[in-house]
Amino acid sequence: MTVNEAETHEHELDAEYLSAADLTVFEIYPADDSLRIDLVVPCPTCSEPLRVTTRVTAVAEADIELPLDDAADPYD
């Protein structure tokens, strides 16, 4: 992909080409009576970083042990 193509193409995300290891949580904030989360993911086509906003629609208990092995301590 040329530089011009990379700058002008539509950034279409496809779950097939993304994984949890690819993303970074950028910001968590309240908006419109819900919780919003901004993520940064690479475009699968050109690898440019994309800021993606999602809204929390459900909350459920998870059957996992804390702390997560790969998570950095947020209080350090």
PDB file of N, CA and C in Angstrom:
ATOM      1  N   MET A   1       0.850  -1.174   0.000  1.00  0.00           N
ATOM      2  CA  MET A   1       0.000   0.000   0.000  1.00  0.00           C
ATOM      3  C   MET A   1       0.896   1.238   0.000  1.00  0.00           C
ATOM      4  N   THR A   2       0.617   2.157  -0.907  1.00  0.00           N
ATOM      5  CA  THR A   2       1.407   3.383  -0.993  1.00  0.00           C
ATOM      6  C   THR A   2       0.997   4.331   0.133  1.00  0.00           C
ATOM      7  N   VAL A   3       1.795   5.340   0.366  1.00  0.00           N
ATOM      8  CA  VAL A   3       1.497   6.336   1.394  1.00  0.00           C
ATOM      9  C   VAL A   3       0.175   7.031   1.087  1.00  0.00           C
ATOM     10  N   ASN A   4      -0.063   7.383  -0.180  1.00  0.00           N
ATOM     11  CA  ASN A   4      -1.303   8.052  -0.563  1.00  0.00           C
ATOM     12  C   ASN A   4      -2.510   7.147  -0.319  1.00  0.00           C
ATOM     13  N   GLU A   5      -2.395   5.877  -0.659  1.00  0.00           N
ATOM     14  CA  GLU A   5      -3.499   4.941  -0.422  1.00  0.00           C
ATOM     15  C   GLU A   5      -3.767   4.793   1.069  1.00  0.00           C
ATOM     16  N   ALA A   6      -2.708   4.736   1.868  1.00  0.00           N
ATOM     17  CA  ALA A   6      -2.856   4.590   3.310  1.00  0.00           C
ATOM     18  C   ALA A   6      -3.567   5.786   3.926  1.00  0.00           C
ATOM     19  N   GLU A   7      -3.309   6.983   3.382  1.00  0.00           N
ATOM     20  CA  GLU A   7      -3.917   8.192   3.929  1.00  0.00           C
ATOM     21  C   GLU A   7      -5.362   8.380   3.491  1.00  0.00           C
ATOM     22  N   THR A   8      -5.781   7.789   2.370  1.00  0.00           N
ATOM     23  CA  THR A   8      -7.108   8.056   1.836  1.00  0.00           C
ATOM     24  C   THR A   8      -8.084   6.880   1.918  1.00  0.00           C
ATOM     25  N   HIS A   9      -7.648   5.689   2.297  1.00  0.00           N
ATOM     26  CA  HIS A   9      -8.570   4.552   2.316  1.00  0.00           C
ATOM     27  C   HIS A   9      -9.495   4.611   3.535  1.00  0.00           C
ATOM     28  N   GLU A  10     -10.630   3.929   3.443  1.00  0.00           N
ATOM     29  CA  GLU A  10     -11.563   3.818   4.562  1.00  0.00           C
ATOM     30  C   GLU A  10     -10.992   2.796   5.547  1.00  0.00           C
ATOM     31  N   HIS A  11     -10.968   3.156   6.805  1.00  0.00           N
ATOM     32  CA  HIS A  11     -10.472   2.243   7.840  1.00  0.00           C
ATOM     33  C   HIS A  11     -11.614   1.340   8.274  1.00  0.00           C
ATOM     34  N   GLU A  12     -11.682   0.148   7.721  1.00  0.00           N
ATOM     35  CA  GLU A  12     -12.722  -0.809   8.080  1.00  0.00           C
ATOM     36  C   GLU A  12     -12.145  -1.840   9.029  1.00  0.00           C
ATOM     37  N   LEU A  13     -12.796  -2.010  10.172  1.00  0.00           N
ATOM     38  CA  LEU A  13     -12.320  -2.968  11.159  1.00  0.00           C
ATOM     39  C   LEU A  13     -13.007  -4.306  10.954  1.00  0.00           C
ATOM     40  N   ASP A  14     -12.240  -5.371  11.136  1.00  0.00           N
ATOM     41  CA  ASP A  14     -12.767  -6.726  11.003  1.00  0.00           C
ATOM     42  C   ASP A  14     -12.225  -7.527  12.182  1.00  0.00           C
ATOM     43  N   ALA A  15     -13.103  -8.107  12.979  1.00  0.00           N
ATOM     44  CA  ALA A  15     -12.695  -8.855  14.168  1.00  0.00           C
ATOM     45  C   ALA A  15     -11.725  -9.984  13.832  1.00  0.00           C
ATOM     46  N   GLU A  16     -11.782 -10.479  12.619  1.00  0.00           N
ATOM     47  CA  GLU A  16     -10.884 -11.571  12.213  1.00  0.00           C
ATOM     48  C   GLU A  16      -9.417 -11.148  12.299  1.00  0.00           C
ATOM     49  N   TYR A  17      -9.143  -9.862  12.116  1.00  0.00           N
ATOM     50  CA  TYR A  17      -7.769  -9.378  12.072  1.00  0.00           C
ATOM     51  C   TYR A  17      -7.347  -8.618  13.320  1.00  0.00           C
ATOM     52  N   LEU A  18      -8.168  -8.629  14.369  1.00  0.00           N
ATOM     53  CA  LEU A  18      -7.846  -7.937  15.615  1.00  0.00           C
ATOM     54  C   LEU A  18      -7.894  -8.911  16.780  1.00  0.00           C
ATOM     55  N   SER A  19      -7.102  -8.640  17.801  1.00  0.00           N
ATOM     56  CA  SER A  19      -7.158  -9.440  19.021  1.00  0.00           C
ATOM     57  C   SER A  19      -6.998  -8.508  20.214  1.00  0.00           C
ATOM     58  N   ALA A  20      -7.284  -9.020  21.394  1.00  0.00           N
ATOM     59  CA  ALA A  20      -7.164  -8.211  22.603  1.00  0.00           C
ATOM     60  C   ALA A  20      -5.745  -7.683  22.792  1.00  0.00           C
ATOM     61  N   ALA A  21      -4.755  -8.440  22.329  1.00  0.00           N
ATOM     62  CA  ALA A  21      -3.365  -8.001  22.448  1.00  0.00           C
ATOM     63  C   ALA A  21      -3.060  -6.795  21.562  1.00  0.00           C
ATOM     64  N   ASP A  22      -3.912  -6.548  20.555  1.00  0.00           N
ATOM     65  CA  ASP A  22      -3.701  -5.434  19.633  1.00  0.00           C
ATOM     66  C   ASP A  22      -4.178  -4.094  20.183  1.00  0.00           C
ATOM     67  N   LEU A  23      -5.007  -4.099  21.221  1.00  0.00           N
ATOM     68  CA  LEU A  23      -5.636  -2.849  21.630  1.00  0.00           C
ATOM     69  C   LEU A  23      -5.050  -2.282  22.908  1.00  0.00           C
ATOM     70  N   THR A  24      -5.261  -0.977  23.069  1.00  0.00           N
ATOM     71  CA  THR A  24      -4.892  -0.265  24.279  1.00  0.00           C
ATOM     72  C   THR A  24      -6.101   0.546  24.714  1.00  0.00           C
ATOM     73  N   VAL A  25      -6.435   0.484  25.998  1.00  0.00           N
ATOM     74  CA  VAL A  25      -7.509   1.319  26.521  1.00  0.00           C
ATOM     75  C   VAL A  25      -6.952   2.729  26.649  1.00  0.00           C
ATOM     76  N   PHE A  26      -7.614   3.669  25.995  1.00  0.00           N
ATOM     77  CA  PHE A  26      -7.142   5.051  25.943  1.00  0.00           C
ATOM     78  C   PHE A  26      -7.826   5.902  27.006  1.00  0.00           C
ATOM     79  N   GLU A  27      -9.152   5.741  27.148  1.00  0.00           N
ATOM     80  CA  GLU A  27      -9.883   6.560  28.095  1.00  0.00           C
ATOM     81  C   GLU A  27     -11.204   5.877  28.456  1.00  0.00           C
ATOM     82  N   ILE A  28     -11.649   6.060  29.706  1.00  0.00           N
ATOM     83  CA  ILE A  28     -12.943   5.575  30.172  1.00  0.00           C
ATOM     84  C   ILE A  28     -13.659   6.773  30.782  1.00  0.00           C
ATOM     85  N   TYR A  29     -14.904   7.030  30.356  1.00  0.00           N
ATOM     86  CA  TYR A  29     -15.596   8.232  30.820  1.00  0.00           C
ATOM     87  C   TYR A  29     -17.110   8.059  30.725  1.00  0.00           C
ATOM     88  N   PRO A  30     -17.857   8.815  31.547  1.00  0.00           N
ATOM     89  CA  PRO A  30     -19.316   8.770  31.460  1.00  0.00           C
ATOM     90  C   PRO A  30     -19.801   9.640  30.308  1.00  0.00           C
ATOM     91  N   ALA A  31     -20.866   9.189  29.628  1.00  0.00           N
ATOM     92  CA  ALA A  31     -21.472   9.970  28.539  1.00  0.00           C
ATOM     93  C   ALA A  31     -22.876   9.444  28.281  1.00  0.00           C
ATOM     94  N   ASP A  32     -23.843  10.345  28.210  1.00  0.00           N
ATOM     95  CA  ASP A  32     -25.223   9.973  27.876  1.00  0.00           C
ATOM     96  C   ASP A  32     -25.768   8.863  28.773  1.00  0.00           C
ATOM     97  N   ASP A  33     -25.597   9.005  30.075  1.00  0.00           N
ATOM     98  CA  ASP A  33     -26.101   8.027  31.053  1.00  0.00           C
ATOM     99  C   ASP A  33     -25.538   6.624  30.853  1.00  0.00           C
ATOM    100  N   SER A  34     -24.353   6.514  30.276  1.00  0.00           N
ATOM    101  CA  SER A  34     -23.704   5.215  30.142  1.00  0.00           C
ATOM    102  C   SER A  34     -22.192   5.417  30.270  1.00  0.00           C
ATOM    103  N   LEU A  35     -21.473   4.341  30.193  1.00  0.00           N
ATOM    104  CA  LEU A  35     -20.023   4.383  30.272  1.00  0.00           C
ATOM    105  C   LEU A  35     -19.453   4.210  28.878  1.00  0.00           C
ATOM    106  N   ARG A  36     -18.521   5.059  28.491  1.00  0.00           N
ATOM    107  CA  ARG A  36     -17.857   4.972  27.182  1.00  0.00           C
ATOM    108  C   ARG A  36     -16.406   4.568  27.397  1.00  0.00           C
ATOM    109  N   ILE A  37     -15.891   3.816  26.462  1.00  0.00           N
ATOM    110  CA  ILE A  37     -14.496   3.391  26.497  1.00  0.00           C
ATOM    111  C   ILE A  37     -13.887   3.672  25.140  1.00  0.00           C
ATOM    112  N   ASP A  38     -12.794   4.426  25.137  1.00  0.00           N
ATOM    113  CA  ASP A  38     -12.047   4.688  23.908  1.00  0.00           C
ATOM    114  C   ASP A  38     -10.858   3.742  23.858  1.00  0.00           C
ATOM    115  N   LEU A  39     -10.728   3.058  22.739  1.00  0.00           N
ATOM    116  CA  LEU A  39      -9.646   2.101  22.512  1.00  0.00           C
ATOM    117  C   LEU A  39      -8.800   2.572  21.343  1.00  0.00           C
ATOM    118  N   VAL A  40      -7.549   2.166  21.331  1.00  0.00           N
ATOM    119  CA  VAL A  40      -6.697   2.412  20.168  1.00  0.00           C
ATOM    120  C   VAL A  40      -6.333   1.048  19.597  1.00  0.00           C
ATOM    121  N   VAL A  41      -6.648   0.861  18.316  1.00  0.00           N
ATOM    122  CA  VAL A  41      -6.356  -0.391  17.608  1.00  0.00           C
ATOM    123  C   VAL A  41      -5.673  -0.055  16.285  1.00  0.00           C
ATOM    124  N   PRO A  42      -4.868  -0.966  15.763  1.00  0.00           N
ATOM    125  CA  PRO A  42      -4.263  -0.713  14.458  1.00  0.00           C
ATOM    126  C   PRO A  42      -5.250  -1.030  13.331  1.00  0.00           C
ATOM    127  N   CYS A  43      -5.231  -0.219  12.289  1.00  0.00           N
ATOM    128  CA  CYS A  43      -6.019  -0.529  11.106  1.00  0.00           C
ATOM    129  C   CYS A  43      -5.442  -1.809  10.495  1.00  0.00           C
ATOM    130  N   PRO A  44      -6.276  -2.828  10.232  1.00  0.00           N
ATOM    131  CA  PRO A  44      -5.771  -4.074   9.662  1.00  0.00           C
ATOM    132  C   PRO A  44      -5.161  -3.909   8.274  1.00  0.00           C
ATOM    133  N   THR A  45      -5.519  -2.843   7.574  1.00  0.00           N
ATOM    134  CA  THR A  45      -5.019  -2.636   6.217  1.00  0.00           C
ATOM    135  C   THR A  45      -3.716  -1.858   6.174  1.00  0.00           C
ATOM    136  N   CYS A  46      -3.658  -0.735   6.930  1.00  0.00           N
ATOM    137  CA  CYS A  46      -2.489   0.141   6.817  1.00  0.00           C
ATOM    138  C   CYS A  46      -1.700   0.280   8.116  1.00  0.00           C
ATOM    139  N   SER A  47      -2.171  -0.319   9.212  1.00  0.00           N
ATOM    140  CA  SER A  47      -1.521  -0.302  10.527  1.00  0.00           C
ATOM    141  C   SER A  47      -1.523   1.061  11.212  1.00  0.00           C
ATOM    142  N   GLU A  48      -2.252   2.043  10.679  1.00  0.00           N
ATOM    143  CA  GLU A  48      -2.379   3.330  11.357  1.00  0.00           C
ATOM    144  C   GLU A  48      -3.169   3.124  12.645  1.00  0.00           C
ATOM    145  N   PRO A  49      -2.816   3.837  13.730  1.00  0.00           N
ATOM    146  CA  PRO A  49      -3.599   3.705  14.950  1.00  0.00           C
ATOM    147  C   PRO A  49      -4.969   4.365  14.781  1.00  0.00           C
ATOM    148  N   LEU A  50      -6.006   3.677  15.224  1.00  0.00           N
ATOM    149  CA  LEU A  50      -7.373   4.184  15.143  1.00  0.00           C
ATOM    150  C   LEU A  50      -7.957   4.277  16.545  1.00  0.00           C
ATOM    151  N   ARG A  51      -8.605   5.392  16.832  1.00  0.00           N
ATOM    152  CA  ARG A  51      -9.299   5.548  18.114  1.00  0.00           C
ATOM    153  C   ARG A  51     -10.744   5.097  17.914  1.00  0.00           C
ATOM    154  N   VAL A  52     -11.140   4.091  18.670  1.00  0.00           N
ATOM    155  CA  VAL A  52     -12.464   3.493  18.554  1.00  0.00           C
ATOM    156  C   VAL A  52     -13.214   3.749  19.858  1.00  0.00           C
ATOM    157  N   THR A  53     -14.451   4.224  19.757  1.00  0.00           N
ATOM    158  CA  THR A  53     -15.276   4.468  20.940  1.00  0.00           C
ATOM    159  C   THR A  53     -16.377   3.427  21.009  1.00  0.00           C
ATOM    160  N   THR A  54     -16.538   2.853  22.193  1.00  0.00           N
ATOM    161  CA  THR A  54     -17.583   1.873  22.406  1.00  0.00           C
ATOM    162  C   THR A  54     -18.369   2.233  23.653  1.00  0.00           C
ATOM    163  N   ARG A  55     -19.603   1.777  23.725  1.00  0.00           N
ATOM    164  CA  ARG A  55     -20.475   2.048  24.866  1.00  0.00           C
ATOM    165  C   ARG A  55     -20.697   0.740  25.611  1.00  0.00           C
ATOM    166  N   VAL A  56     -20.643   0.791  26.930  1.00  0.00           N
ATOM    167  CA  VAL A  56     -20.908  -0.399  27.736  1.00  0.00           C
ATOM    168  C   VAL A  56     -22.411  -0.672  27.697  1.00  0.00           C
ATOM    169  N   THR A  57     -22.773  -1.857  27.246  1.00  0.00           N
ATOM    170  CA  THR A  57     -24.188  -2.219  27.146  1.00  0.00           C
ATOM    171  C   THR A  57     -24.582  -3.310  28.138  1.00  0.00           C
ATOM    172  N   ALA A  58     -23.599  -3.984  28.723  1.00  0.00           N
ATOM    173  CA  ALA A  58     -23.895  -5.047  29.686  1.00  0.00           C
ATOM    174  C   ALA A  58     -22.723  -5.198  30.646  1.00  0.00           C
ATOM    175  N   VAL A  59     -23.058  -5.576  31.872  1.00  0.00           N
ATOM    176  CA  VAL A  59     -22.045  -5.844  32.888  1.00  0.00           C
ATOM    177  C   VAL A  59     -22.398  -7.165  33.540  1.00  0.00           C
ATOM    178  N   ALA A  60     -21.424  -8.060  33.658  1.00  0.00           N
ATOM    179  CA  ALA A  60     -21.656  -9.367  34.273  1.00  0.00           C
ATOM    180  C   ALA A  60     -20.401  -9.796  35.019  1.00  0.00           C
ATOM    181  N   GLU A  61     -20.570 -10.619  36.032  1.00  0.00           N
ATOM    182  CA  GLU A  61     -19.419 -11.150  36.752  1.00  0.00           C
ATOM    183  C   GLU A  61     -18.635 -12.062  35.827  1.00  0.00           C
ATOM    184  N   ALA A  62     -17.313 -12.063  36.005  1.00  0.00           N
ATOM    185  CA  ALA A  62     -16.444 -12.902  35.186  1.00  0.00           C
ATOM    186  C   ALA A  62     -15.814 -13.979  36.060  1.00  0.00           C
ATOM    187  N   ASP A  63     -15.673 -15.149  35.519  1.00  0.00           N
ATOM    188  CA  ASP A  63     -15.081 -16.261  36.244  1.00  0.00           C
ATOM    189  C   ASP A  63     -13.578 -16.285  35.983  1.00  0.00           C
ATOM    190  N   ILE A  64     -12.869 -15.264  36.521  1.00  0.00           N
ATOM    191  CA  ILE A  64     -11.420 -15.169  36.362  1.00  0.00           C
ATOM    192  C   ILE A  64     -10.801 -14.789  37.701  1.00  0.00           C
ATOM    193  N   GLU A  65      -9.527 -15.035  37.834  1.00  0.00           N
ATOM    194  CA  GLU A  65      -8.801 -14.672  39.037  1.00  0.00           C
ATOM    195  C   GLU A  65      -8.133 -13.321  38.838  1.00  0.00           C
ATOM    196  N   LEU A  66      -8.187 -12.499  39.885  1.00  0.00           N
ATOM    197  CA  LEU A  66      -7.494 -11.215  39.862  1.00  0.00           C
ATOM    198  C   LEU A  66      -6.302 -11.280  40.795  1.00  0.00           C
ATOM    199  N   PRO A  67      -5.237 -10.595  40.534  1.00  0.00           N
ATOM    200  CA  PRO A  67      -5.026  -9.726  39.378  1.00  0.00           C
ATOM    201  C   PRO A  67      -4.736 -10.530  38.123  1.00  0.00           C
ATOM    202  N   LEU A  68      -5.037  -9.933  36.988  1.00  0.00           N
ATOM    203  CA  LEU A  68      -4.743 -10.570  35.707  1.00  0.00           C
ATOM    204  C   LEU A  68      -3.229 -10.632  35.540  1.00  0.00           C
ATOM    205  N   ASP A  69      -2.724 -11.749  35.052  1.00  0.00           N
ATOM    206  CA  ASP A  69      -1.277 -11.932  34.921  1.00  0.00           C
ATOM    207  C   ASP A  69      -0.626 -10.869  34.046  1.00  0.00           C
ATOM    208  N   ASP A  70      -1.285 -10.464  32.954  1.00  0.00           N
ATOM    209  CA  ASP A  70      -0.687  -9.534  31.999  1.00  0.00           C
ATOM    210  C   ASP A  70      -0.976  -8.071  32.328  1.00  0.00           C
ATOM    211  N   ALA A  71      -1.805  -7.821  33.317  1.00  0.00           N
ATOM    212  CA  ALA A  71      -2.194  -6.445  33.612  1.00  0.00           C
ATOM    213  C   ALA A  71      -1.142  -5.762  34.486  1.00  0.00           C
ATOM    214  N   ALA A  72      -0.875  -4.506  34.165  1.00  0.00           N
ATOM    215  CA  ALA A  72       0.004  -3.704  34.995  1.00  0.00           C
ATOM    216  C   ALA A  72      -0.803  -3.213  36.195  1.00  0.00           C
ATOM    217  N   ASP A  73      -0.157  -3.049  37.326  1.00  0.00           N
ATOM    218  CA  ASP A  73      -0.841  -2.552  38.511  1.00  0.00           C
ATOM    219  C   ASP A  73      -1.204  -1.084  38.319  1.00  0.00           C
ATOM    220  N   PRO A  74      -2.497  -0.740  38.284  1.00  0.00           N
ATOM    221  CA  PRO A  74      -2.888   0.649  38.025  1.00  0.00           C
ATOM    222  C   PRO A  74      -2.553   1.595  39.168  1.00  0.00           C
ATOM    223  N   TYR A  75      -2.183   1.057  40.330  1.00  0.00           N
ATOM    224  CA  TYR A  75      -1.895   1.901  41.490  1.00  0.00           C
ATOM    225  C   TYR A  75      -0.413   2.132  41.710  1.00  0.00           C
ATOM    226  N   ASP A  76       0.432   1.678  40.827  1.00  0.00           N
ATOM    227  CA  ASP A  76       1.886   1.921  40.954  1.00  0.00           C
ATOM    228  C   ASP A  76       2.250   3.289  40.441  1.00  0.00           C
TER     229      ASP A  76
END
